Amino acid sequence: MPDKIYFLSDFHLGAPDHASSLEREKTIVHFLDTISGDASEIFLVGDMFDFWYEYKQVVPKGYLRLLGKLAELSDRGIKLHFFVGNHDMWMKDYFQKELDMPVYFEPKEFQRQGRSILIGHGDGLGPGDHGYKRLKKIFRNPVCQWLFGILPPRVGMGIANYMSRRSRAQTGSTEEKFLGEDKEWLLIYCKEQLQQKNTDLFIFGHRHLAIDHRLNDTSRYVNLGDWIRYFTYAVLENGELVLRSFKGHDDLIIRNT
């Protein structure tokens, strides 16, 4: 029986343009094909899309190759999980109904292969970034979501795509620099969690850096990087987690193990 568990995040499909997104989508689907024979579970850890909103009877155009592949994997009995990110937080029940894939809005702990694993997208965790944390509360508010939903899809998607591009422009290249152990806010968050409860593995996305960092003798923080520059994923087999690149960019992974 296949018993490998895979983790990947931050595809940002739709950005920066259709041609680039389509090429990236095909690469992701190819990767899913390669692991379909030995995967028992696949965790998708947020920002699968650069923007996603489910109107009552409308879902965003495109992404047929990926959604079709996920449906095929689910139908074959591979368990899928999805953690919403800051770019696709407006999920409702489409994935649950069509893909039998649970959707999580907060970090969640799992027990797998004898390891305790805390998984989440990572946005809004740790110290600082108070502006985004306030904005996240607004976006998560059901009334705000309903108000956005009454906009015609063409208008709503236009606004959302503009805001997404603006967010990337403001972020710039800061996401690609490791800030050090005392300034990496997700790393700080993991250390704070360890003071309350021992956890073997912390797995997050959002940071757009591929990081494998040992926290103590038994715990590690792993950031999954992205499928824009790194094409990285983690695989858990026999209790051992390995972070690697599908395109051979393993030298770009920041390791402190």
Protein backbone atom coordinates (compact mmCIF):
# COMPACT_ATOMS: atom_id res chain seq x y z
CA MET A 1 0.00 0.00 0.00
CA PRO A 2 1.33 3.49 -0.83
CA ASP A 3 2.24 5.36 2.33
CA LYS A 4 4.00 8.56 1.27
CA ILE A 5 2.45 11.86 2.33
CA TYR A 6 3.18 14.92 0.20
CA PHE A 7 3.01 18.62 1.09
CA LEU A 8 3.18 21.55 -1.35
CA SER A 9 1.95 25.14 -1.50
CA ASP A 10 1.95 28.53 -3.20
CA PHE A 11 1.18 27.85 -6.86
CA HIS A 12 -0.40 31.30 -7.37
CA LEU A 13 -2.11 30.15 -10.54
CA GLY A 14 -3.37 33.07 -12.57
CA ALA A 15 -0.28 35.20 -11.95
CA PRO A 16 1.44 37.04 -13.45
CA ASP A 17 -0.26 36.24 -16.77
CA HIS A 18 -2.14 33.43 -18.48
CA ALA A 19 0.83 31.99 -20.37
CA SER A 20 3.11 31.78 -17.31
CA SER A 21 0.31 30.40 -15.17
CA LEU A 22 -0.57 27.73 -17.72
CA GLU A 23 3.03 26.56 -17.98
CA ARG A 24 3.26 26.37 -14.19
CA GLU A 25 -0.06 24.51 -14.00
CA LYS A 26 1.17 21.89 -16.45
CA THR A 27 4.31 21.39 -14.36
CA ILE A 28 2.24 20.91 -11.21
CA VAL A 29 -0.04 18.41 -12.93
CA HIS A 30 3.02 16.51 -14.18
CA PHE A 31 4.36 16.38 -10.63
CA LEU A 32 1.04 15.06 -9.33
CA ASP A 33 1.18 12.37 -12.01
CA THR A 34 4.64 11.29 -10.85
CA ILE A 35 3.55 10.87 -7.23
CA SER A 36 0.13 9.36 -7.89
CA GLY A 37 1.46 5.80 -7.60
CA ASP A 38 2.88 6.07 -4.09
CA ALA A 39 0.90 8.89 -2.41
CA SER A 40 -1.58 8.08 0.32
CA GLU A 41 -2.31 11.74 1.15
CA ILE A 42 -1.55 15.14 -0.37
CA PHE A 43 -1.67 18.36 1.63
CA LEU A 44 -2.08 21.57 -0.40
CA VAL A 45 -1.01 24.31 1.98
CA GLY A 46 -2.58 27.45 0.54
CA ASP A 47 -2.38 30.03 -2.26
CA MET A 48 -3.16 27.48 -4.92
CA PHE A 49 -4.61 30.41 -6.85
CA ASP A 50 -3.59 34.04 -6.97
CA PHE A 51 -7.24 34.77 -6.27
CA TRP A 52 -10.30 32.61 -5.69
CA TYR A 53 -13.88 33.47 -4.87
CA GLU A 54 -16.86 31.15 -5.05
CA TYR A 55 -20.00 32.95 -6.08
CA LYS A 56 -23.18 30.98 -5.47
CA GLN A 57 -23.23 29.53 -8.98
CA VAL A 58 -19.89 30.73 -10.41
CA VAL A 59 -16.27 29.73 -9.81
CA PRO A 60 -13.23 31.43 -11.38
CA LYS A 61 -12.45 30.61 -14.98
CA GLY A 62 -9.53 28.31 -15.78
CA TYR A 63 -7.39 25.81 -13.86
CA LEU A 64 -9.15 22.86 -15.54
CA ARG A 65 -6.00 20.75 -15.74
CA LEU A 66 -5.25 21.03 -12.04
CA LEU A 67 -8.83 20.64 -10.85
CA GLY A 68 -9.32 17.65 -13.15
CA LYS A 69 -6.14 16.01 -11.85
CA LEU A 70 -7.17 16.57 -8.24
CA ALA A 71 -10.58 15.04 -8.98
CA GLU A 72 -8.86 12.02 -10.54
CA LEU A 73 -6.57 11.57 -7.53
CA SER A 74 -9.49 11.86 -5.13
CA ASP A 75 -11.51 9.32 -7.12
CA ARG A 76 -8.55 6.92 -6.89
CA GLY A 77 -8.70 7.08 -3.10
CA ILE A 78 -5.82 9.49 -2.41
CA LYS A 79 -6.85 11.69 0.49
CA LEU A 80 -6.56 15.41 -0.30
CA HIS A 81 -6.44 18.33 2.14
CA PHE A 82 -6.49 22.07 1.49
CA PHE A 83 -5.47 24.95 3.77
CA VAL A 84 -6.69 28.33 2.57
CA GLY A 85 -4.07 31.01 2.04
CA ASN A 86 -4.29 34.77 2.00
CA HIS A 87 -4.89 34.73 -1.78
CA ASP A 88 -7.64 32.08 -1.76
CA MET A 89 -9.24 32.54 1.64
CA TRP A 90 -12.75 32.93 0.21
CA MET A 91 -13.34 29.22 -0.15
CA LYS A 92 -16.76 27.81 0.52
CA ASP A 93 -17.91 24.25 -0.25
CA TYR A 94 -16.87 23.70 -3.88
CA PHE A 95 -13.78 21.64 -3.05
CA GLN A 96 -15.59 19.58 -0.45
CA LYS A 97 -18.43 18.70 -2.81
CA GLU A 98 -16.50 18.22 -6.05
CA LEU A 99 -13.18 16.84 -4.78
CA ASP A 100 -14.10 15.35 -1.39
CA MET A 101 -11.30 17.56 -0.05
CA PRO A 102 -11.67 19.14 3.39
CA VAL A 103 -10.80 22.82 3.62
CA TYR A 104 -9.12 24.27 6.72
CA PHE A 105 -9.11 27.94 7.67
CA GLU A 106 -6.70 27.70 10.60
CA PRO A 107 -3.59 25.63 11.38
CA LYS A 108 -4.45 22.07 12.34
CA GLU A 109 -2.49 19.30 14.05
CA PHE A 110 -2.31 15.82 12.56
CA GLN A 111 -0.80 12.56 13.75
CA ARG A 112 0.90 10.72 10.91
CA GLN A 113 3.52 7.96 10.87
CA GLY A 114 4.21 8.44 14.55
CA ARG A 115 4.85 12.19 14.17
CA SER A 116 2.83 15.12 15.44
CA ILE A 117 2.52 17.69 12.64
CA LEU A 118 1.11 21.23 12.79
CA ILE A 119 0.12 22.42 9.30
CA GLY A 120 -1.12 25.81 8.12
CA HIS A 121 -0.62 28.35 5.38
CA GLY A 122 1.18 30.68 7.77
CA ASP A 123 -0.33 34.10 7.04
CA GLY A 124 -1.07 36.20 10.11
CA LEU A 125 0.92 34.02 12.50
CA GLY A 126 3.71 35.18 14.76
CA PRO A 127 4.63 38.74 15.77
CA GLY A 128 4.11 41.90 13.74
CA ASP A 129 2.19 42.46 10.50
CA HIS A 130 -0.69 44.02 12.43
CA GLY A 131 -2.08 45.75 9.34
CA TYR A 132 -2.58 42.47 7.53
CA LYS A 133 -4.03 40.82 10.64
CA ARG A 134 -6.69 43.52 10.83
CA LEU A 135 -7.35 43.19 7.11
CA LYS A 136 -7.64 39.41 7.43
CA LYS A 137 -10.40 39.80 10.04
CA ILE A 138 -12.30 42.04 7.63
CA PHE A 139 -11.90 39.61 4.73
CA ARG A 140 -13.00 36.69 6.89
CA ASN A 141 -16.11 38.55 8.06
CA PRO A 142 -19.21 36.85 6.58
CA VAL A 143 -20.90 40.22 5.95
CA CYS A 144 -17.90 41.47 3.94
CA GLN A 145 -17.85 38.25 1.94
CA TRP A 146 -21.57 38.60 1.21
CA LEU A 147 -21.14 42.21 0.10
CA PHE A 148 -18.36 41.19 -2.28
CA GLY A 149 -20.54 38.35 -3.54
CA ILE A 150 -23.34 40.66 -4.69
CA LEU A 151 -20.93 42.34 -7.11
CA PRO A 152 -21.14 40.96 -10.67
CA PRO A 153 -18.33 38.40 -11.12
CA ARG A 154 -16.63 40.50 -13.80
CA VAL A 155 -16.43 43.49 -11.45
CA GLY A 156 -15.48 41.48 -8.37
CA MET A 157 -12.76 39.49 -10.11
CA GLY A 158 -11.38 42.67 -11.67
CA ILE A 159 -11.05 44.34 -8.27
CA ALA A 160 -9.55 41.21 -6.73
CA ASN A 161 -6.96 40.75 -9.46
CA TYR A 162 -5.92 44.40 -9.14
CA MET A 163 -5.49 44.04 -5.37
CA SER A 164 -3.52 40.83 -5.82
CA ARG A 165 -1.11 42.49 -8.26
CA ARG A 166 -0.75 45.46 -5.91
CA SER A 167 0.05 43.14 -3.01
CA ARG A 168 2.83 41.44 -4.98
CA ALA A 169 4.26 44.80 -6.05
CA GLN A 170 4.42 46.03 -2.45
CA THR A 171 6.02 42.82 -1.25
CA GLY A 172 8.72 42.96 -3.91
CA SER A 173 11.71 40.73 -3.27
CA THR A 174 11.52 40.77 0.53
CA GLU A 175 9.89 37.35 0.52
CA GLU A 176 13.03 35.86 -1.02
CA LYS A 177 15.39 36.79 1.81
CA PHE A 178 15.89 34.77 4.97
CA LEU A 179 15.71 37.32 7.79
CA GLY A 180 17.52 35.33 10.45
CA GLU A 181 16.30 33.14 13.27
CA ASP A 182 15.34 36.07 15.49
CA LYS A 183 13.30 37.83 12.76
CA GLU A 184 11.58 35.07 10.83
CA TRP A 185 8.08 35.43 12.24
CA LEU A 186 6.92 31.90 11.42
CA LEU A 187 10.03 30.48 13.06
CA ILE A 188 9.30 32.60 16.13
CA TYR A 189 5.70 31.34 16.09
CA CYS A 190 6.92 27.72 16.06
CA LYS A 191 9.18 28.34 19.05
CA GLU A 192 6.28 29.89 20.95
CA GLN A 193 4.12 26.86 20.19
CA LEU A 194 6.84 24.54 21.45
CA GLN A 195 6.70 26.26 24.83
CA GLN A 196 3.09 25.11 25.14
CA LYS A 197 3.21 21.71 23.48
CA ASN A 198 5.82 19.51 21.87
CA THR A 199 5.34 19.12 18.12
CA ASP A 200 7.62 17.15 15.83
CA LEU A 201 7.01 19.02 12.57
CA PHE A 202 5.71 22.49 11.71
CA ILE A 203 4.81 22.74 8.02
CA PHE A 204 3.82 26.08 6.51
CA GLY A 205 3.74 27.91 3.18
CA HIS A 206 3.17 31.62 2.48
CA ARG A 207 6.81 32.64 2.95
CA HIS A 208 7.89 31.80 -0.63
CA LEU A 209 11.15 30.50 0.77
CA ALA A 210 12.10 26.83 0.97
CA ILE A 211 13.32 26.42 4.55
CA ASP A 212 14.21 23.36 6.63
CA HIS A 213 15.16 24.54 10.12
CA ARG A 214 15.79 22.43 13.21
CA LEU A 215 14.18 23.97 16.29
CA ASN A 216 15.51 21.49 18.85
CA ASP A 217 16.55 17.85 19.05
CA THR A 218 13.07 16.61 18.06
CA SER A 219 11.30 19.45 16.23
CA ARG A 220 11.68 21.05 12.80
CA TYR A 221 10.14 23.99 10.98
CA VAL A 222 9.65 23.45 7.25
CA ASN A 223 8.46 26.11 4.84
CA LEU A 224 7.39 24.62 1.53
CA GLY A 225 8.67 27.40 -0.72
CA ASP A 226 6.67 27.87 -3.92
CA TRP A 227 6.09 26.66 -7.48
CA ILE A 228 7.23 29.90 -9.04
CA ARG A 229 10.95 29.79 -8.28
CA TYR A 230 11.67 26.73 -6.14
CA PHE A 231 9.19 24.03 -7.27
CA THR A 232 9.63 22.49 -3.83
CA TYR A 233 7.64 19.94 -1.88
CA ALA A 234 8.02 17.84 1.24
CA VAL A 235 7.42 14.12 1.50
CA LEU A 236 6.92 12.11 4.68
CA GLU A 237 7.90 8.46 4.48
CA ASN A 238 8.39 6.09 7.43
CA GLY A 239 8.28 9.08 9.77
CA GLU A 240 11.07 10.96 8.00
CA LEU A 241 10.33 14.29 6.28
CA VAL A 242 12.43 15.45 3.34
CA LEU A 243 12.19 18.81 1.55
CA ARG A 244 13.27 18.73 -2.08
CA SER A 245 12.81 20.46 -5.43
CA PHE A 246 10.99 18.87 -8.36
CA LYS A 247 13.21 20.82 -10.77
CA GLY A 248 16.51 20.09 -9.07
CA HIS A 249 16.84 23.41 -7.24
CA ASP A 250 17.75 21.71 -3.97
CA ASP A 251 20.75 24.03 -3.60
CA LEU A 252 18.34 26.93 -3.08
CA ILE A 253 16.74 25.33 -0.01
CA ILE A 254 17.78 27.07 3.21
CA ARG A 255 18.79 24.32 5.62
CA ASN A 256 19.76 24.44 9.27
CA THR A 257 19.40 20.84 10.30
